[in-house]
N, C-alpha and C. Protein backbone atom coordinates (compact mmCIF):
# COMPACT_ATOMS: atom_id res chain seq x y z
N UNK A 1 -97.40 -57.54 -46.91
CA UNK A 1 -97.89 -58.38 -45.84
C UNK A 1 -99.12 -59.12 -46.33
N UNK A 2 -99.16 -60.42 -46.12
CA UNK A 2 -100.29 -61.23 -46.56
C UNK A 2 -101.38 -61.21 -45.49
N UNK A 3 -102.59 -61.41 -45.94
CA UNK A 3 -103.75 -61.42 -45.04
C UNK A 3 -104.16 -62.86 -44.82
N UNK A 4 -104.30 -63.25 -43.56
CA UNK A 4 -104.72 -64.62 -43.25
C UNK A 4 -106.20 -64.79 -43.58
N UNK A 5 -106.62 -66.03 -43.70
CA UNK A 5 -108.03 -66.32 -44.01
C UNK A 5 -108.94 -65.80 -42.92
N UNK A 6 -108.55 -65.97 -41.65
CA UNK A 6 -109.40 -65.50 -40.55
C UNK A 6 -109.47 -63.98 -40.53
N UNK A 7 -108.37 -63.32 -40.87
CA UNK A 7 -108.36 -61.85 -40.92
C UNK A 7 -109.27 -61.34 -42.03
N UNK A 8 -109.27 -62.04 -43.17
CA UNK A 8 -110.11 -61.63 -44.29
C UNK A 8 -111.59 -61.80 -43.95
N UNK A 9 -111.93 -62.87 -43.19
CA UNK A 9 -113.32 -63.11 -42.82
C UNK A 9 -113.80 -62.16 -41.73
N UNK A 10 -112.97 -61.87 -40.74
CA UNK A 10 -113.37 -61.04 -39.59
C UNK A 10 -112.28 -60.03 -39.27
N UNK A 11 -112.11 -59.01 -40.10
CA UNK A 11 -111.01 -58.06 -39.88
C UNK A 11 -111.13 -57.30 -38.56
N UNK A 12 -112.34 -57.09 -38.06
CA UNK A 12 -112.49 -56.35 -36.81
C UNK A 12 -111.90 -57.12 -35.63
N UNK A 13 -111.88 -58.46 -35.72
CA UNK A 13 -111.34 -59.26 -34.61
C UNK A 13 -109.85 -58.99 -34.42
N UNK A 14 -109.15 -58.82 -35.51
CA UNK A 14 -107.71 -58.57 -35.42
C UNK A 14 -107.45 -57.20 -34.78
N UNK A 15 -108.21 -56.19 -35.16
CA UNK A 15 -108.06 -54.87 -34.55
C UNK A 15 -108.41 -54.95 -33.07
N UNK A 16 -109.47 -55.65 -32.75
CA UNK A 16 -109.86 -55.82 -31.35
C UNK A 16 -108.74 -56.50 -30.56
N UNK A 17 -108.12 -57.49 -31.16
CA UNK A 17 -107.01 -58.18 -30.52
C UNK A 17 -105.85 -57.22 -30.27
N UNK A 18 -105.55 -56.36 -31.21
CA UNK A 18 -104.45 -55.40 -31.05
C UNK A 18 -104.75 -54.40 -29.94
N UNK A 19 -105.97 -53.89 -29.94
CA UNK A 19 -106.36 -52.88 -28.96
C UNK A 19 -106.43 -53.45 -27.55
N UNK A 20 -106.86 -54.71 -27.43
CA UNK A 20 -107.05 -55.29 -26.09
C UNK A 20 -105.91 -56.21 -25.67
N UNK A 21 -104.83 -56.24 -26.44
CA UNK A 21 -103.69 -57.08 -26.04
C UNK A 21 -103.07 -56.52 -24.76
N UNK A 22 -102.31 -57.35 -24.11
CA UNK A 22 -101.67 -56.97 -22.84
C UNK A 22 -100.96 -55.62 -22.94
N UNK A 23 -100.13 -55.47 -23.97
CA UNK A 23 -99.35 -54.24 -24.10
C UNK A 23 -100.11 -53.17 -24.85
N UNK A 24 -101.00 -53.54 -25.76
CA UNK A 24 -101.79 -52.56 -26.49
C UNK A 24 -102.63 -51.70 -25.57
N UNK A 25 -103.27 -52.33 -24.61
CA UNK A 25 -104.09 -51.60 -23.63
C UNK A 25 -103.25 -50.57 -22.90
N UNK A 26 -102.09 -50.99 -22.42
CA UNK A 26 -101.25 -50.08 -21.63
C UNK A 26 -100.67 -48.96 -22.47
N UNK A 27 -100.28 -49.26 -23.71
CA UNK A 27 -99.77 -48.22 -24.60
C UNK A 27 -100.86 -47.18 -24.86
N UNK A 28 -102.04 -47.63 -25.20
CA UNK A 28 -103.13 -46.69 -25.50
C UNK A 28 -103.46 -45.83 -24.28
N UNK A 29 -103.56 -46.45 -23.12
CA UNK A 29 -103.90 -45.68 -21.91
C UNK A 29 -102.81 -44.67 -21.57
N UNK A 30 -101.57 -45.05 -21.73
CA UNK A 30 -100.46 -44.14 -21.40
C UNK A 30 -100.37 -42.98 -22.39
N UNK A 31 -100.56 -43.27 -23.67
CA UNK A 31 -100.48 -42.21 -24.68
C UNK A 31 -101.70 -41.29 -24.64
N UNK A 32 -102.75 -41.70 -23.97
CA UNK A 32 -103.93 -40.85 -23.84
C UNK A 32 -103.60 -39.58 -23.08
N UNK A 33 -102.67 -39.68 -22.13
CA UNK A 33 -102.30 -38.51 -21.33
C UNK A 33 -101.44 -37.52 -22.11
N UNK A 34 -100.48 -38.05 -22.89
CA UNK A 34 -99.56 -37.18 -23.64
C UNK A 34 -98.67 -38.03 -24.53
N UNK A 35 -98.01 -37.40 -25.50
CA UNK A 35 -97.02 -38.13 -26.31
C UNK A 35 -95.85 -38.59 -25.43
N UNK A 36 -95.21 -39.66 -25.84
CA UNK A 36 -94.05 -40.19 -25.12
C UNK A 36 -92.95 -40.56 -26.11
N UNK A 37 -91.73 -40.47 -25.64
CA UNK A 37 -90.62 -41.08 -26.35
C UNK A 37 -90.65 -42.56 -25.98
N UNK A 38 -89.94 -43.37 -26.78
CA UNK A 38 -89.95 -44.82 -26.58
C UNK A 38 -89.56 -45.19 -25.15
N UNK A 39 -88.45 -44.65 -24.68
CA UNK A 39 -87.96 -45.02 -23.34
C UNK A 39 -88.90 -44.55 -22.24
N UNK A 40 -89.51 -43.39 -22.41
CA UNK A 40 -90.49 -42.90 -21.44
C UNK A 40 -91.69 -43.84 -21.37
N UNK A 41 -92.14 -44.24 -22.54
CA UNK A 41 -93.30 -45.13 -22.63
C UNK A 41 -92.98 -46.46 -21.98
N UNK A 42 -91.81 -46.97 -22.23
CA UNK A 42 -91.41 -48.25 -21.63
C UNK A 42 -91.38 -48.16 -20.11
N UNK A 43 -90.82 -47.08 -19.58
CA UNK A 43 -90.79 -46.90 -18.12
C UNK A 43 -92.20 -46.77 -17.54
N UNK A 44 -93.05 -46.03 -18.22
CA UNK A 44 -94.42 -45.84 -17.74
C UNK A 44 -95.18 -47.16 -17.70
N UNK A 45 -95.00 -47.97 -18.73
CA UNK A 45 -95.66 -49.27 -18.79
C UNK A 45 -95.09 -50.21 -17.74
N UNK A 46 -93.79 -50.13 -17.49
CA UNK A 46 -93.19 -50.96 -16.44
C UNK A 46 -93.85 -50.68 -15.10
N UNK A 47 -94.29 -49.45 -14.87
CA UNK A 47 -94.97 -49.11 -13.63
C UNK A 47 -96.29 -49.84 -13.46
N UNK A 48 -96.96 -50.16 -14.55
CA UNK A 48 -98.22 -50.91 -14.49
C UNK A 48 -97.97 -52.38 -14.20
N UNK A 49 -97.03 -52.93 -14.92
CA UNK A 49 -96.84 -54.37 -14.92
C UNK A 49 -95.87 -54.86 -13.87
N UNK A 50 -94.99 -53.98 -13.39
CA UNK A 50 -94.01 -54.43 -12.42
C UNK A 50 -92.83 -55.12 -13.09
N UNK A 51 -93.11 -56.11 -13.92
CA UNK A 51 -92.07 -56.88 -14.58
C UNK A 51 -91.54 -56.17 -15.80
N UNK A 52 -92.38 -55.52 -16.51
CA UNK A 52 -91.95 -54.72 -17.65
C UNK A 52 -92.08 -55.38 -19.00
N UNK A 53 -92.08 -54.53 -20.00
CA UNK A 53 -92.20 -54.95 -21.38
C UNK A 53 -90.81 -54.92 -22.01
N UNK A 54 -90.50 -55.88 -22.83
CA UNK A 54 -89.21 -55.89 -23.52
C UNK A 54 -89.24 -54.82 -24.62
N UNK A 55 -88.06 -54.38 -25.01
CA UNK A 55 -87.96 -53.40 -26.10
C UNK A 55 -88.59 -53.95 -27.37
N UNK A 56 -88.30 -55.22 -27.65
CA UNK A 56 -88.83 -55.85 -28.86
C UNK A 56 -90.36 -55.88 -28.85
N UNK A 57 -90.95 -56.26 -27.72
CA UNK A 57 -92.41 -56.36 -27.65
C UNK A 57 -93.06 -54.98 -27.74
N UNK A 58 -92.46 -53.99 -27.09
CA UNK A 58 -93.00 -52.64 -27.18
C UNK A 58 -92.90 -52.12 -28.61
N UNK A 59 -91.78 -52.36 -29.26
CA UNK A 59 -91.61 -51.91 -30.65
C UNK A 59 -92.65 -52.59 -31.55
N UNK A 60 -92.86 -53.89 -31.36
CA UNK A 60 -93.86 -54.60 -32.17
C UNK A 60 -95.27 -54.06 -31.91
N UNK A 61 -95.58 -53.81 -30.65
CA UNK A 61 -96.90 -53.28 -30.30
C UNK A 61 -97.12 -51.91 -30.93
N UNK A 62 -96.11 -51.05 -30.83
CA UNK A 62 -96.23 -49.72 -31.43
C UNK A 62 -96.38 -49.80 -32.95
N UNK A 63 -95.62 -50.69 -33.59
CA UNK A 63 -95.73 -50.85 -35.05
C UNK A 63 -97.13 -51.33 -35.44
N UNK A 64 -97.64 -52.27 -34.68
CA UNK A 64 -98.98 -52.81 -34.97
C UNK A 64 -100.03 -51.72 -34.82
N UNK A 65 -99.95 -50.96 -33.73
CA UNK A 65 -100.93 -49.89 -33.51
C UNK A 65 -100.77 -48.76 -34.51
N UNK A 66 -99.53 -48.53 -34.96
CA UNK A 66 -99.30 -47.52 -36.01
C UNK A 66 -99.91 -48.00 -37.33
N UNK A 67 -99.72 -49.26 -37.65
CA UNK A 67 -100.29 -49.83 -38.88
C UNK A 67 -101.81 -49.75 -38.88
N UNK A 68 -102.41 -49.94 -37.70
CA UNK A 68 -103.86 -49.87 -37.57
C UNK A 68 -104.38 -48.43 -37.57
N UNK A 69 -103.47 -47.45 -37.58
CA UNK A 69 -103.89 -46.05 -37.61
C UNK A 69 -104.19 -45.47 -36.25
N UNK A 70 -103.75 -46.13 -35.18
CA UNK A 70 -104.06 -45.68 -33.83
C UNK A 70 -102.93 -44.86 -33.21
N UNK A 71 -101.71 -45.12 -33.63
CA UNK A 71 -100.54 -44.44 -33.08
C UNK A 71 -99.80 -43.73 -34.20
N UNK A 72 -99.31 -42.53 -33.89
CA UNK A 72 -98.50 -41.76 -34.82
C UNK A 72 -97.06 -41.78 -34.33
N UNK A 73 -96.14 -42.10 -35.24
CA UNK A 73 -94.71 -42.11 -34.93
C UNK A 73 -94.09 -40.90 -35.60
N UNK A 74 -93.50 -40.02 -34.78
CA UNK A 74 -92.90 -38.79 -35.29
C UNK A 74 -91.40 -38.85 -35.06
N UNK A 75 -90.64 -39.19 -36.14
CA UNK A 75 -89.18 -39.28 -36.06
C UNK A 75 -88.59 -37.94 -36.47
N UNK A 76 -87.84 -37.34 -35.56
CA UNK A 76 -87.22 -36.04 -35.83
C UNK A 76 -85.79 -36.26 -36.32
N UNK A 77 -85.39 -35.59 -37.39
CA UNK A 77 -84.04 -35.78 -37.94
C UNK A 77 -82.98 -34.99 -37.16
N UNK A 78 -82.74 -35.41 -35.94
CA UNK A 78 -81.74 -34.76 -35.09
C UNK A 78 -80.77 -35.81 -34.59
N UNK A 79 -79.67 -35.34 -34.01
CA UNK A 79 -78.70 -36.26 -33.42
C UNK A 79 -78.60 -35.93 -31.94
N UNK A 80 -78.83 -36.87 -31.05
CA UNK A 80 -79.27 -38.24 -31.33
C UNK A 80 -80.71 -38.25 -31.83
N UNK A 81 -81.11 -39.34 -32.51
CA UNK A 81 -82.47 -39.41 -33.06
C UNK A 81 -83.52 -39.26 -31.96
N UNK A 82 -84.60 -38.60 -32.30
CA UNK A 82 -85.70 -38.44 -31.36
C UNK A 82 -86.98 -38.92 -32.05
N UNK A 83 -87.65 -39.85 -31.40
CA UNK A 83 -88.92 -40.38 -31.91
C UNK A 83 -89.97 -40.23 -30.83
N UNK A 84 -91.06 -39.57 -31.18
CA UNK A 84 -92.18 -39.40 -30.26
C UNK A 84 -93.37 -40.20 -30.78
N UNK A 85 -94.10 -40.78 -29.85
CA UNK A 85 -95.31 -41.54 -30.17
C UNK A 85 -96.50 -40.82 -29.56
N UNK A 86 -97.56 -40.72 -30.34
CA UNK A 86 -98.79 -40.09 -29.87
C UNK A 86 -99.97 -40.83 -30.48
N UNK A 87 -101.14 -40.52 -29.99
CA UNK A 87 -102.35 -41.14 -30.53
C UNK A 87 -102.90 -40.32 -31.69
N UNK A 88 -103.40 -40.99 -32.67
CA UNK A 88 -104.17 -40.34 -33.73
C UNK A 88 -105.57 -40.10 -33.17
N UNK A 89 -106.42 -39.43 -33.93
CA UNK A 89 -107.80 -39.25 -33.47
C UNK A 89 -108.48 -40.60 -33.27
N UNK A 90 -108.23 -41.52 -34.18
CA UNK A 90 -108.79 -42.87 -34.07
C UNK A 90 -108.25 -43.57 -32.83
N UNK A 91 -106.96 -43.42 -32.58
CA UNK A 91 -106.34 -44.01 -31.40
C UNK A 91 -106.87 -43.43 -30.11
N UNK A 92 -107.10 -42.12 -30.11
CA UNK A 92 -107.66 -41.47 -28.91
C UNK A 92 -109.06 -42.02 -28.62
N UNK A 93 -109.84 -42.20 -29.66
CA UNK A 93 -111.18 -42.76 -29.49
C UNK A 93 -111.10 -44.17 -28.89
N UNK A 94 -110.20 -45.00 -29.41
CA UNK A 94 -110.03 -46.35 -28.88
C UNK A 94 -109.52 -46.32 -27.44
N UNK A 95 -108.57 -45.43 -27.16
CA UNK A 95 -107.98 -45.34 -25.82
C UNK A 95 -109.01 -44.94 -24.77
N UNK A 96 -109.92 -44.06 -25.13
CA UNK A 96 -110.98 -43.66 -24.19
C UNK A 96 -111.84 -44.88 -23.84
N UNK A 97 -112.15 -45.71 -24.85
CA UNK A 97 -112.94 -46.91 -24.60
C UNK A 97 -112.18 -47.90 -23.71
N UNK A 98 -110.89 -48.09 -24.00
CA UNK A 98 -110.06 -49.00 -23.22
C UNK A 98 -109.96 -48.51 -21.77
N UNK A 99 -109.75 -47.21 -21.60
CA UNK A 99 -109.65 -46.65 -20.24
C UNK A 99 -110.97 -46.85 -19.48
N UNK A 100 -112.07 -46.69 -20.17
CA UNK A 100 -113.37 -46.90 -19.53
C UNK A 100 -113.50 -48.35 -19.05
N UNK A 101 -113.09 -49.30 -19.87
CA UNK A 101 -113.12 -50.71 -19.48
C UNK A 101 -112.17 -50.97 -18.30
N UNK A 102 -111.00 -50.35 -18.33
CA UNK A 102 -110.04 -50.52 -17.23
C UNK A 102 -110.61 -49.97 -15.93
N UNK A 103 -111.26 -48.84 -15.99
CA UNK A 103 -111.88 -48.26 -14.78
C UNK A 103 -113.00 -49.15 -14.26
N UNK A 104 -113.82 -49.68 -15.16
CA UNK A 104 -114.88 -50.59 -14.75
C UNK A 104 -114.29 -51.80 -14.05
N UNK A 105 -113.21 -52.35 -14.63
CA UNK A 105 -112.55 -53.53 -14.05
C UNK A 105 -112.05 -53.22 -12.66
N UNK A 106 -111.44 -52.08 -12.48
CA UNK A 106 -110.94 -51.68 -11.17
C UNK A 106 -112.10 -51.55 -10.17
N UNK A 107 -113.19 -50.92 -10.60
CA UNK A 107 -114.35 -50.73 -9.71
C UNK A 107 -115.00 -52.05 -9.33
N UNK A 108 -115.06 -53.01 -10.24
CA UNK A 108 -115.80 -54.25 -10.03
C UNK A 108 -114.92 -55.44 -9.66
N UNK A 109 -113.65 -55.20 -9.38
CA UNK A 109 -112.72 -56.29 -9.10
C UNK A 109 -113.15 -57.11 -7.89
N UNK A 110 -113.65 -56.47 -6.85
CA UNK A 110 -114.11 -57.21 -5.67
C UNK A 110 -115.23 -58.18 -6.04
N UNK A 111 -116.15 -57.74 -6.90
CA UNK A 111 -117.24 -58.61 -7.34
C UNK A 111 -116.72 -59.79 -8.16
N UNK A 112 -115.76 -59.54 -9.01
CA UNK A 112 -115.16 -60.60 -9.81
C UNK A 112 -114.46 -61.61 -8.90
N UNK A 113 -113.71 -61.11 -7.93
CA UNK A 113 -113.01 -62.02 -7.01
C UNK A 113 -113.99 -62.85 -6.19
N UNK A 114 -115.11 -62.26 -5.76
CA UNK A 114 -116.14 -63.02 -5.04
C UNK A 114 -116.72 -64.11 -5.93
N UNK A 115 -117.00 -63.78 -7.17
CA UNK A 115 -117.53 -64.76 -8.12
C UNK A 115 -116.53 -65.89 -8.35
N UNK A 116 -115.26 -65.56 -8.46
CA UNK A 116 -114.24 -66.59 -8.64
C UNK A 116 -114.18 -67.54 -7.44
N UNK A 117 -114.20 -66.97 -6.24
CA UNK A 117 -114.17 -67.81 -5.03
C UNK A 117 -115.38 -68.73 -4.98
N UNK A 118 -116.56 -68.19 -5.27
CA UNK A 118 -117.78 -69.00 -5.26
C UNK A 118 -117.69 -70.12 -6.30
N UNK A 119 -117.20 -69.79 -7.46
CA UNK A 119 -117.04 -70.79 -8.52
C UNK A 119 -116.07 -71.89 -8.08
N UNK A 120 -114.91 -71.48 -7.56
CA UNK A 120 -113.89 -72.45 -7.14
C UNK A 120 -114.41 -73.32 -6.01
N UNK A 121 -115.14 -72.75 -5.06
CA UNK A 121 -115.69 -73.53 -3.95
C UNK A 121 -116.71 -74.53 -4.46
N UNK A 122 -117.56 -74.11 -5.38
CA UNK A 122 -118.58 -75.00 -5.93
C UNK A 122 -117.91 -76.14 -6.71
N UNK A 123 -116.87 -75.85 -7.44
CA UNK A 123 -116.16 -76.90 -8.21
C UNK A 123 -115.47 -77.87 -7.27
N UNK A 124 -114.89 -77.35 -6.19
CA UNK A 124 -114.18 -78.20 -5.24
C UNK A 124 -115.15 -79.11 -4.48
N UNK A 125 -116.38 -78.64 -4.26
CA UNK A 125 -117.38 -79.42 -3.53
C UNK A 125 -117.98 -80.52 -4.37
N UNK A 126 -117.89 -80.41 -5.67
CA UNK A 126 -118.52 -81.44 -6.53
C UNK A 126 -117.59 -82.56 -6.89
């Protein structure tokens, strides 16, 4: 895999993007509770979003987080195949931070919505 110029200059930005992406946040928060199989994880994430994540997008998100050292993929050699996903120590640390931000967002959502209304009203008046 080649490294882009922006990734070489600011590698932390790419990790931050992975951790805070739409599906990355939900994967990390869900795996914080316990390991999941792929289909379990997909159903759990669908509960957050309502619309749901595609299999392809979830697989890409898990691969990206695995490459970053945040998610562990445990493939068991059984029939039918069984694959469990869990957080590494690094992933658990990131997930705790993401969950903290999610809780803050939930607590302060009314304030954000008030600020948005005030902003929109001020823009409409000018």
